[in-house]
Amino acid sequence: MVKILGFKNGEIGSLYILPTAMVVVLCALAGFVIGYCLMLWAFKVFLLNFDGYFTFYMKKTSMILSIVFLLIGYAFVSVIDFIRIRRIPMDVALKNVE
């Protein structure tokens, strides 16, 4: 639809892909912090019932790598999506107004 309105590919990317990327980054960071806190809580609650006590430990490099891999995956998907948007010809965009 935005191709019909005369937007260029770069403008389409800045309208859709860039805001989505910002939300993904914020949600990834917030989700990681919440997940880490939940794991600490779960280990305290469930493993205190055992005779031996295990602590939850995650290296800082593992924390950083988990977020980096998530962002690399998102970047890959967004590049594929942007390429797909660029390949839509104007005549197809004009015929398919959904």
PDB file of N, CA and C in Angstrom:
ATOM      1  N   MET A   1       0.812  -1.196   0.000  1.00  0.00           N
ATOM      2  CA  MET A   1       0.000   0.000   0.000  1.00  0.00           C
ATOM      3  C   MET A   1       0.857   1.262   0.000  1.00  0.00           C
ATOM      4  N   VAL A   2       1.942   1.234   0.738  1.00  0.00           N
ATOM      5  CA  VAL A   2       2.778   2.432   0.787  1.00  0.00           C
ATOM      6  C   VAL A   2       3.496   2.674  -0.531  1.00  0.00           C
ATOM      7  N   LYS A   3       3.705   1.621  -1.310  1.00  0.00           N
ATOM      8  CA  LYS A   3       4.296   1.809  -2.643  1.00  0.00           C
ATOM      9  C   LYS A   3       3.341   2.582  -3.546  1.00  0.00           C
ATOM     10  N   ILE A   4       2.052   2.323  -3.382  1.00  0.00           N
ATOM     11  CA  ILE A   4       1.053   3.032  -4.170  1.00  0.00           C
ATOM     12  C   ILE A   4       1.064   4.525  -3.823  1.00  0.00           C
ATOM     13  N   LEU A   5       1.308   4.829  -2.558  1.00  0.00           N
ATOM     14  CA  LEU A   5       1.310   6.221  -2.113  1.00  0.00           C
ATOM     15  C   LEU A   5       2.582   6.968  -2.515  1.00  0.00           C
ATOM     16  N   GLY A   6       3.544   6.261  -3.102  1.00  0.00           N
ATOM     17  CA  GLY A   6       4.731   6.911  -3.626  1.00  0.00           C
ATOM     18  C   GLY A   6       5.941   6.882  -2.719  1.00  0.00           C
ATOM     19  N   PHE A   7       5.899   6.097  -1.663  1.00  0.00           N
ATOM     20  CA  PHE A   7       7.058   5.994  -0.780  1.00  0.00           C
ATOM     21  C   PHE A   7       8.171   5.209  -1.453  1.00  0.00           C
ATOM     22  N   LYS A   8       9.400   5.624  -1.222  1.00  0.00           N
ATOM     23  CA  LYS A   8      10.552   4.892  -1.747  1.00  0.00           C
ATOM     24  C   LYS A   8      10.908   3.766  -0.785  1.00  0.00           C
ATOM     25  N   ASN A   9      11.784   2.858  -1.254  1.00  0.00           N
ATOM     26  CA  ASN A   9      12.141   1.696  -0.438  1.00  0.00           C
ATOM     27  C   ASN A   9      12.788   2.091   0.883  1.00  0.00           C
ATOM     28  N   GLY A  10      13.642   3.096   0.849  1.00  0.00           N
ATOM     29  CA  GLY A  10      14.285   3.552   2.086  1.00  0.00           C
ATOM     30  C   GLY A  10      13.282   4.130   3.079  1.00  0.00           C
ATOM     31  N   GLU A  11      12.288   4.843   2.551  1.00  0.00           N
ATOM     32  CA  GLU A  11      11.246   5.403   3.416  1.00  0.00           C
ATOM     33  C   GLU A  11      10.373   4.295   4.005  1.00  0.00           C
ATOM     34  N   ILE A  12      10.110   3.280   3.215  1.00  0.00           N
ATOM     35  CA  ILE A  12       9.319   2.150   3.706  1.00  0.00           C
ATOM     36  C   ILE A  12      10.078   1.450   4.824  1.00  0.00           C
ATOM     37  N   GLY A  13      11.383   1.276   4.634  1.00  0.00           N
ATOM     38  CA  GLY A  13      12.194   0.658   5.674  1.00  0.00           C
ATOM     39  C   GLY A  13      12.204   1.474   6.954  1.00  0.00           C
ATOM     40  N   SER A  14      12.298   2.798   6.813  1.00  0.00           N
ATOM     41  CA  SER A  14      12.313   3.635   8.013  1.00  0.00           C
ATOM     42  C   SER A  14      10.955   3.691   8.687  1.00  0.00           C
ATOM     43  N   LEU A  15       9.878   3.473   7.927  1.00  0.00           N
ATOM     44  CA  LEU A  15       8.538   3.465   8.519  1.00  0.00           C
ATOM     45  C   LEU A  15       8.220   2.173   9.257  1.00  0.00           C
ATOM     46  N   TYR A  16       8.669   1.045   8.720  1.00  0.00           N
ATOM     47  CA  TYR A  16       8.276  -0.248   9.276  1.00  0.00           C
ATOM     48  C   TYR A  16       9.408  -0.989   9.979  1.00  0.00           C
ATOM     49  N   ILE A  17      10.545  -1.087   9.354  1.00  0.00           N
ATOM     50  CA  ILE A  17      11.604  -1.944   9.886  1.00  0.00           C
ATOM     51  C   ILE A  17      12.325  -1.292  11.059  1.00  0.00           C
ATOM     52  N   LEU A  18      12.612  -0.015  10.978  1.00  0.00           N
ATOM     53  CA  LEU A  18      13.343   0.657  12.051  1.00  0.00           C
ATOM     54  C   LEU A  18      12.550   0.709  13.357  1.00  0.00           C
ATOM     55  N   PRO A  19      11.275   1.117  13.370  1.00  0.00           N
ATOM     56  CA  PRO A  19      10.535   1.092  14.639  1.00  0.00           C
ATOM     57  C   PRO A  19      10.370  -0.318  15.206  1.00  0.00           C
ATOM     58  N   THR A  20      10.174  -1.285  14.314  1.00  0.00           N
ATOM     59  CA  THR A  20      10.057  -2.667  14.772  1.00  0.00           C
ATOM     60  C   THR A  20      11.368  -3.135  15.392  1.00  0.00           C
ATOM     61  N   ALA A  21      12.484  -2.740  14.818  1.00  0.00           N
ATOM     62  CA  ALA A  21      13.788  -3.111  15.364  1.00  0.00           C
ATOM     63  C   ALA A  21      13.985  -2.518  16.755  1.00  0.00           C
ATOM     64  N   MET A  22      13.564  -1.281  16.952  1.00  0.00           N
ATOM     65  CA  MET A  22      13.693  -0.670  18.276  1.00  0.00           C
ATOM     66  C   MET A  22      12.849  -1.404  19.314  1.00  0.00           C
ATOM     67  N   VAL A  23      11.640  -1.796  18.938  1.00  0.00           N
ATOM     68  CA  VAL A  23      10.786  -2.542  19.862  1.00  0.00           C
ATOM     69  C   VAL A  23      11.392  -3.909  20.165  1.00  0.00           C
ATOM     70  N   VAL A  24      11.952  -4.569  19.153  1.00  0.00           N
ATOM     71  CA  VAL A  24      12.577  -5.877  19.368  1.00  0.00           C
ATOM     72  C   VAL A  24      13.757  -5.754  20.324  1.00  0.00           C
ATOM     73  N   VAL A  25      14.590  -4.734  20.157  1.00  0.00           N
ATOM     74  CA  VAL A  25      15.746  -4.553  21.038  1.00  0.00           C
ATOM     75  C   VAL A  25      15.284  -4.300  22.470  1.00  0.00           C
ATOM     76  N   LEU A  26      14.331  -3.409  22.655  1.00  0.00           N
ATOM     77  CA  LEU A  26      13.838  -3.116  24.003  1.00  0.00           C
ATOM     78  C   LEU A  26      13.188  -4.336  24.652  1.00  0.00           C
ATOM     79  N   CYS A  27      12.389  -5.053  23.880  1.00  0.00           N
ATOM     80  CA  CYS A  27      11.732  -6.248  24.428  1.00  0.00           C
ATOM     81  C   CYS A  27      12.733  -7.365  24.709  1.00  0.00           C
ATOM     82  N   ALA A  28      13.765  -7.473  23.886  1.00  0.00           N
ATOM     83  CA  ALA A  28      14.793  -8.494  24.129  1.00  0.00           C
ATOM     84  C   ALA A  28      15.534  -8.202  25.423  1.00  0.00           C
ATOM     85  N   LEU A  29      15.895  -6.961  25.628  1.00  0.00           N
ATOM     86  CA  LEU A  29      16.598  -6.601  26.865  1.00  0.00           C
ATOM     87  C   LEU A  29      15.696  -6.773  28.085  1.00  0.00           C
ATOM     88  N   ALA A  30      14.469  -6.290  27.986  1.00  0.00           N
ATOM     89  CA  ALA A  30      13.538  -6.427  29.111  1.00  0.00           C
ATOM     90  C   ALA A  30      13.217  -7.895  29.377  1.00  0.00           C
ATOM     91  N   GLY A  31      13.004  -8.662  28.319  1.00  0.00           N
ATOM     92  CA  GLY A  31      12.720 -10.087  28.482  1.00  0.00           C
ATOM     93  C   GLY A  31      13.873 -10.852  29.084  1.00  0.00           C
ATOM     94  N   PHE A  32      15.082 -10.462  28.724  1.00  0.00           N
ATOM     95  CA  PHE A  32      16.235 -11.146  29.294  1.00  0.00           C
ATOM     96  C   PHE A  32      16.361 -10.848  30.780  1.00  0.00           C
ATOM     97  N   VAL A  33      16.164  -9.605  31.171  1.00  0.00           N
ATOM     98  CA  VAL A  33      16.252  -9.237  32.588  1.00  0.00           C
ATOM     99  C   VAL A  33      15.161  -9.943  33.387  1.00  0.00           C
ATOM    100  N   ILE A  34      13.934  -9.948  32.869  1.00  0.00           N
ATOM    101  CA  ILE A  34      12.831 -10.618  33.562  1.00  0.00           C
ATOM    102  C   ILE A  34      13.084 -12.124  33.646  1.00  0.00           C
ATOM    103  N   GLY A  35      13.552 -12.722  32.550  1.00  0.00           N
ATOM    104  CA  GLY A  35      13.854 -14.155  32.555  1.00  0.00           C
ATOM    105  C   GLY A  35      14.958 -14.519  33.526  1.00  0.00           C
ATOM    106  N   TYR A  36      15.978 -13.677  33.610  1.00  0.00           N
ATOM    107  CA  TYR A  36      17.081 -13.922  34.543  1.00  0.00           C
ATOM    108  C   TYR A  36      16.577 -13.859  35.989  1.00  0.00           C
ATOM    109  N   CYS A  37      15.759 -12.864  36.297  1.00  0.00           N
ATOM    110  CA  CYS A  37      15.207 -12.749  37.649  1.00  0.00           C
ATOM    111  C   CYS A  37      14.294 -13.926  37.971  1.00  0.00           C
ATOM    112  N   LEU A  38      13.497 -14.367  37.006  1.00  0.00           N
ATOM    113  CA  LEU A  38      12.632 -15.530  37.228  1.00  0.00           C
ATOM    114  C   LEU A  38      13.441 -16.807  37.444  1.00  0.00           C
ATOM    115  N   MET A  39      14.546 -16.948  36.732  1.00  0.00           N
ATOM    116  CA  MET A  39      15.398 -18.127  36.946  1.00  0.00           C
ATOM    117  C   MET A  39      16.012 -18.114  38.343  1.00  0.00           C
ATOM    118  N   LEU A  40      16.454 -16.948  38.795  1.00  0.00           N
ATOM    119  CA  LEU A  40      16.981 -16.855  40.159  1.00  0.00           C
ATOM    120  C   LEU A  40      15.917 -17.235  41.178  1.00  0.00           C
ATOM    121  N   TRP A  41      14.706 -16.743  40.988  1.00  0.00           N
ATOM    122  CA  TRP A  41      13.615 -17.075  41.891  1.00  0.00           C
ATOM    123  C   TRP A  41      13.272 -18.560  41.843  1.00  0.00           C
ATOM    124  N   ALA A  42      13.191 -19.121  40.628  1.00  0.00           N
ATOM    125  CA  ALA A  42      12.828 -20.527  40.475  1.00  0.00           C
ATOM    126  C   ALA A  42      13.863 -21.440  41.125  1.00  0.00           C
ATOM    127  N   PHE A  43      15.128 -21.116  40.970  1.00  0.00           N
ATOM    128  CA  PHE A  43      16.158 -21.942  41.588  1.00  0.00           C
ATOM    129  C   PHE A  43      16.078 -21.861  43.105  1.00  0.00           C
ATOM    130  N   LYS A  44      15.769 -20.702  43.645  1.00  0.00           N
ATOM    131  CA  LYS A  44      15.637 -20.590  45.104  1.00  0.00           C
ATOM    132  C   LYS A  44      14.452 -21.394  45.609  1.00  0.00           C
ATOM    133  N   VAL A  45      13.325 -21.280  44.940  1.00  0.00           N
ATOM    134  CA  VAL A  45      12.102 -21.920  45.413  1.00  0.00           C
ATOM    135  C   VAL A  45      12.146 -23.435  45.230  1.00  0.00           C
ATOM    136  N   PHE A  46      12.508 -23.899  44.047  1.00  0.00           N
ATOM    137  CA  PHE A  46      12.398 -25.326  43.760  1.00  0.00           C
ATOM    138  C   PHE A  46      13.600 -26.137  44.231  1.00  0.00           C
ATOM    139  N   LEU A  47      14.760 -25.602  44.162  1.00  0.00           N
ATOM    140  CA  LEU A  47      15.937 -26.392  44.508  1.00  0.00           C
ATOM    141  C   LEU A  47      16.288 -26.353  45.986  1.00  0.00           C
ATOM    142  N   LEU A  48      15.645 -25.504  46.758  1.00  0.00           N
ATOM    143  CA  LEU A  48      15.880 -25.523  48.201  1.00  0.00           C
ATOM    144  C   LEU A  48      15.283 -26.769  48.847  1.00  0.00           C
ATOM    145  N   ASN A  49      14.391 -27.444  48.132  1.00  0.00           N
ATOM    146  CA  ASN A  49      13.791 -28.677  48.659  1.00  0.00           C
ATOM    147  C   ASN A  49      14.731 -29.875  48.548  1.00  0.00           C
ATOM    148  N   PHE A  50      15.769 -29.778  47.750  1.00  0.00           N
ATOM    149  CA  PHE A  50      16.716 -30.879  47.591  1.00  0.00           C
ATOM    150  C   PHE A  50      17.717 -30.893  48.741  1.00  0.00           C
ATOM    151  N   ASP A  51      18.355 -32.059  48.942  1.00  0.00           N
ATOM    152  CA  ASP A  51      19.376 -32.160  49.977  1.00  0.00           C
ATOM    153  C   ASP A  51      20.591 -31.299  49.636  1.00  0.00           C
ATOM    154  N   GLY A  52      21.038 -31.377  48.389  1.00  0.00           N
ATOM    155  CA  GLY A  52      22.149 -30.535  47.950  1.00  0.00           C
ATOM    156  C   GLY A  52      21.586 -29.262  47.339  1.00  0.00           C
ATOM    157  N   TYR A  53      22.301 -28.207  47.390  1.00  0.00           N
ATOM    158  CA  TYR A  53      21.807 -26.936  46.877  1.00  0.00           C
ATOM    159  C   TYR A  53      22.610 -26.536  45.649  1.00  0.00           C
ATOM    160  N   PHE A  54      21.913 -26.277  44.566  1.00  0.00           N
ATOM    161  CA  PHE A  54      22.537 -25.814  43.335  1.00  0.00           C
ATOM    162  C   PHE A  54      22.197 -24.340  43.156  1.00  0.00           C
ATOM    163  N   THR A  55      23.151 -23.586  42.735  1.00  0.00           N
ATOM    164  CA  THR A  55      22.877 -22.182  42.471  1.00  0.00           C
ATOM    165  C   THR A  55      22.766 -21.965  40.966  1.00  0.00           C
ATOM    166  N   PHE A  56      22.010 -20.976  40.614  1.00  0.00           N
ATOM    167  CA  PHE A  56      21.893 -20.598  39.203  1.00  0.00           C
ATOM    168  C   PHE A  56      23.011 -19.629  38.894  1.00  0.00           C
ATOM    169  N   TYR A  57      23.800 -19.968  37.897  1.00  0.00           N
ATOM    170  CA  TYR A  57      24.908 -19.104  37.511  1.00  0.00           C
ATOM    171  C   TYR A  57      24.952 -19.017  35.997  1.00  0.00           C
ATOM    172  N   MET A  58      25.069 -17.804  35.504  1.00  0.00           N
ATOM    173  CA  MET A  58      25.178 -17.586  34.069  1.00  0.00           C
ATOM    174  C   MET A  58      26.308 -16.591  33.843  1.00  0.00           C
ATOM    175  N   LYS A  59      27.250 -16.959  32.994  1.00  0.00           N
ATOM    176  CA  LYS A  59      28.382 -16.076  32.719  1.00  0.00           C
ATOM    177  C   LYS A  59      27.918 -14.818  32.001  1.00  0.00           C
ATOM    178  N   LYS A  60      28.637 -13.744  32.199  1.00  0.00           N
ATOM    179  CA  LYS A  60      28.297 -12.491  31.522  1.00  0.00           C
ATOM    180  C   LYS A  60      28.419 -12.635  30.000  1.00  0.00           C
ATOM    181  N   THR A  61      29.384 -13.431  29.554  1.00  0.00           N
ATOM    182  CA  THR A  61      29.516 -13.634  28.105  1.00  0.00           C
ATOM    183  C   THR A  61      28.302 -14.379  27.549  1.00  0.00           C
ATOM    184  N   SER A  62      27.764 -15.312  28.321  1.00  0.00           N
ATOM    185  CA  SER A  62      26.558 -16.031  27.879  1.00  0.00           C
ATOM    186  C   SER A  62      25.364 -15.099  27.813  1.00  0.00           C
ATOM    187  N   MET A  63      25.277 -14.186  28.758  1.00  0.00           N
ATOM    188  CA  MET A  63      24.182 -13.210  28.745  1.00  0.00           C
ATOM    189  C   MET A  63      24.263 -12.334  27.498  1.00  0.00           C
ATOM    190  N   ILE A  64      25.450 -11.837  27.233  1.00  0.00           N
ATOM    191  CA  ILE A  64      25.644 -10.958  26.079  1.00  0.00           C
ATOM    192  C   ILE A  64      25.414 -11.718  24.779  1.00  0.00           C
ATOM    193  N   LEU A  65      25.942 -12.941  24.700  1.00  0.00           N
ATOM    194  CA  LEU A  65      25.782 -13.736  23.478  1.00  0.00           C
ATOM    195  C   LEU A  65      24.325 -14.085  23.199  1.00  0.00           C
ATOM    196  N   SER A  66      23.551 -14.334  24.235  1.00  0.00           N
ATOM    197  CA  SER A  66      22.144 -14.669  23.998  1.00  0.00           C
ATOM    198  C   SER A  66      21.403 -13.486  23.382  1.00  0.00           C
ATOM    199  N   ILE A  67      21.693 -12.288  23.835  1.00  0.00           N
ATOM    200  CA  ILE A  67      21.054 -11.100  23.256  1.00  0.00           C
ATOM    201  C   ILE A  67      21.592 -10.832  21.851  1.00  0.00           C
ATOM    202  N   VAL A  68      22.892 -11.002  21.660  1.00  0.00           N
ATOM    203  CA  VAL A  68      23.498 -10.767  20.338  1.00  0.00           C
ATOM    204  C   VAL A  68      22.933 -11.740  19.310  1.00  0.00           C
ATOM    205  N   PHE A  69      22.789 -13.010  19.660  1.00  0.00           N
ATOM    206  CA  PHE A  69      22.240 -13.995  18.725  1.00  0.00           C
ATOM    207  C   PHE A  69      20.790 -13.683  18.382  1.00  0.00           C
ATOM    208  N   LEU A  70      20.018 -13.218  19.365  1.00  0.00           N
ATOM    209  CA  LEU A  70      18.648 -12.837  19.095  1.00  0.00           C
ATOM    210  C   LEU A  70      18.603 -11.669  18.110  1.00  0.00           C
ATOM    211  N   LEU A  71      19.470 -10.689  18.303  1.00  0.00           N
ATOM    212  CA  LEU A  71      19.489  -9.524  17.418  1.00  0.00           C
ATOM    213  C   LEU A  71      20.011  -9.876  16.027  1.00  0.00           C
ATOM    214  N   ILE A  72      20.952 -10.792  15.941  1.00  0.00           N
ATOM    215  CA  ILE A  72      21.432 -11.247  14.632  1.00  0.00           C
ATOM    216  C   ILE A  72      20.298 -11.952  13.885  1.00  0.00           C
ATOM    217  N   GLY A  73      19.551 -12.777  14.587  1.00  0.00           N
ATOM    218  CA  GLY A  73      18.400 -13.447  13.967  1.00  0.00           C
ATOM    219  C   GLY A  73      17.361 -12.458  13.485  1.00  0.00           C
ATOM    220  N   TYR A  74      17.095 -11.429  14.298  1.00  0.00           N
ATOM    221  CA  TYR A  74      16.134 -10.418  13.877  1.00  0.00           C
ATOM    222  C   TYR A  74      16.658  -9.638  12.672  1.00  0.00           C
ATOM    223  N   ALA A  75      17.948  -9.304  12.672  1.00  0.00           N
ATOM    224  CA  ALA A  75      18.523  -8.565  11.538  1.00  0.00           C
ATOM    225  C   ALA A  75      18.402  -9.382  10.255  1.00  0.00           C
ATOM    226  N   PHE A  76      18.648 -10.680  10.349  1.00  0.00           N
ATOM    227  CA  PHE A  76      18.523 -11.567   9.195  1.00  0.00           C
ATOM    228  C   PHE A  76      17.094 -11.563   8.656  1.00  0.00           C
ATOM    229  N   VAL A  77      16.120 -11.673   9.549  1.00  0.00           N
ATOM    230  CA  VAL A  77      14.714 -11.684   9.136  1.00  0.00           C
ATOM    231  C   VAL A  77      14.335 -10.336   8.538  1.00  0.00           C
ATOM    232  N   SER A  78      14.801  -9.233   9.128  1.00  0.00           N
ATOM    233  CA  SER A  78      14.441  -7.934   8.596  1.00  0.00           C
ATOM    234  C   SER A  78      15.074  -7.647   7.260  1.00  0.00           C
ATOM    235  N   VAL A  79      16.281  -8.149   7.012  1.00  0.00           N
ATOM    236  CA  VAL A  79      16.898  -7.981   5.693  1.00  0.00           C
ATOM    237  C   VAL A  79      16.101  -8.747   4.648  1.00  0.00           C
ATOM    238  N   ILE A  80      15.701  -9.964   4.975  1.00  0.00           N
ATOM    239  CA  ILE A  80      14.882 -10.755   4.049  1.00  0.00           C
ATOM    240  C   ILE A  80      13.548 -10.052   3.781  1.00  0.00           C
ATOM    241  N   ASP A  81      12.947  -9.496   4.823  1.00  0.00           N
ATOM    242  CA  ASP A  81      11.679  -8.793   4.666  1.00  0.00           C
ATOM    243  C   ASP A  81      11.847  -7.548   3.801  1.00  0.00           C
ATOM    244  N   PHE A  82      12.929  -6.797   3.995  1.00  0.00           N
ATOM    245  CA  PHE A  82      13.173  -5.595   3.198  1.00  0.00           C
ATOM    246  C   PHE A  82      13.419  -5.945   1.732  1.00  0.00           C
ATOM    247  N   ILE A  83      14.148  -7.024   1.480  1.00  0.00           N
ATOM    248  CA  ILE A  83      14.378  -7.476   0.101  1.00  0.00           C
ATOM    249  C   ILE A  83      13.052  -7.868  -0.546  1.00  0.00           C
ATOM    250  N   ARG A  84      12.202  -8.523   0.216  1.00  0.00           N
ATOM    251  CA  ARG A  84      10.887  -8.926  -0.297  1.00  0.00           C
ATOM    252  C   ARG A  84      10.039  -7.699  -0.629  1.00  0.00           C
ATOM    253  N   ILE A  85      10.092  -6.680   0.213  1.00  0.00           N
ATOM    254  CA  ILE A  85       9.332  -5.456  -0.046  1.00  0.00           C
ATOM    255  C   ILE A  85       9.866  -4.754  -1.293  1.00  0.00           C
ATOM    256  N   ARG A  86      11.185  -4.707  -1.461  1.00  0.00           N
ATOM    257  CA  ARG A  86      11.774  -4.040  -2.628  1.00  0.00           C
ATOM    258  C   ARG A  86      11.393  -4.717  -3.927  1.00  0.00           C
ATOM    259  N   ARG A  87      11.187  -6.026  -3.894  1.00  0.00           N
ATOM    260  CA  ARG A  87      10.898  -6.774  -5.124  1.00  0.00           C
ATOM    261  C   ARG A  87       9.447  -6.672  -5.574  1.00  0.00           C
ATOM    262  N   ILE A  88       8.582  -6.069  -4.785  1.00  0.00           N
ATOM    263  CA  ILE A  88       7.180  -5.953  -5.181  1.00  0.00           C
ATOM    264  C   ILE A  88       7.083  -4.913  -6.291  1.00  0.00           C
ATOM    265  N   PRO A  89       6.673  -5.331  -7.494  1.00  0.00           N
ATOM    266  CA  PRO A  89       6.548  -4.355  -8.587  1.00  0.00           C
ATOM    267  C   PRO A  89       5.342  -3.437  -8.359  1.00  0.00           C
ATOM    268  N   MET A  90       5.392  -2.266  -8.943  1.00  0.00           N
ATOM    269  CA  MET A  90       4.330  -1.279  -8.761  1.00  0.00           C
ATOM    270  C   MET A  90       3.007  -1.767  -9.325  1.00  0.00           C
ATOM    271  N   ASP A  91       3.016  -2.489 -10.452  1.00  0.00           N
ATOM    272  CA  ASP A  91       1.752  -2.960 -11.029  1.00  0.00           C
ATOM    273  C   ASP A  91       1.063  -3.967 -10.121  1.00  0.00           C
ATOM    274  N   VAL A  92       1.847  -4.813  -9.458  1.00  0.00           N
ATOM    275  CA  VAL A  92       1.250  -5.786  -8.508  1.00  0.00           C
ATOM    276  C   VAL A  92       0.719  -5.040  -7.283  1.00  0.00           C
ATOM    277  N   ALA A  93       1.453  -4.022  -6.845  1.00  0.00           N
ATOM    278  CA  ALA A  93       0.978  -3.249  -5.686  1.00  0.00           C
ATOM    279  C   ALA A  93      -0.327  -2.516  -6.009  1.00  0.00           C
ATOM    280  N   LEU A  94      -0.457  -2.042  -7.254  1.00  0.00           N
ATOM    281  CA  LEU A  94      -1.688  -1.347  -7.626  1.00  0.00           C
ATOM    282  C   LEU A  94      -2.885  -2.284  -7.770  1.00  0.00           C
ATOM    283  N   LYS A  95      -2.609  -3.531  -8.225  1.00  0.00           N
ATOM    284  CA  LYS A  95      -3.701  -4.503  -8.381  1.00  0.00           C
ATOM    285  C   LYS A  95      -4.166  -5.035  -7.044  1.00  0.00           C
ATOM    286  N   ASN A  96      -3.240  -5.271  -6.116  1.00  0.00           N
ATOM    287  CA  ASN A  96      -3.550  -5.920  -4.833  1.00  0.00           C
ATOM    288  C   ASN A  96      -3.621  -4.854  -3.744  1.00  0.00           C
ATOM    289  N   VAL A  97      -4.814  -4.354  -3.506  1.00  0.00           N
ATOM    290  CA  VAL A  97      -5.010  -3.309  -2.496  1.00  0.00           C
ATOM    291  C   VAL A  97      -5.669  -3.923  -1.287  1.00  0.00           C
ATOM    292  N   GLU A  98      -4.903  -4.644  -0.480  1.00  0.00           N
ATOM    293  CA  GLU A  98      -5.442  -5.283   0.736  1.00  0.00           C
ATOM    294  C   GLU A  98      -4.928  -4.600   1.958  1.00  0.00           C
TER     295      GLU A  98
END
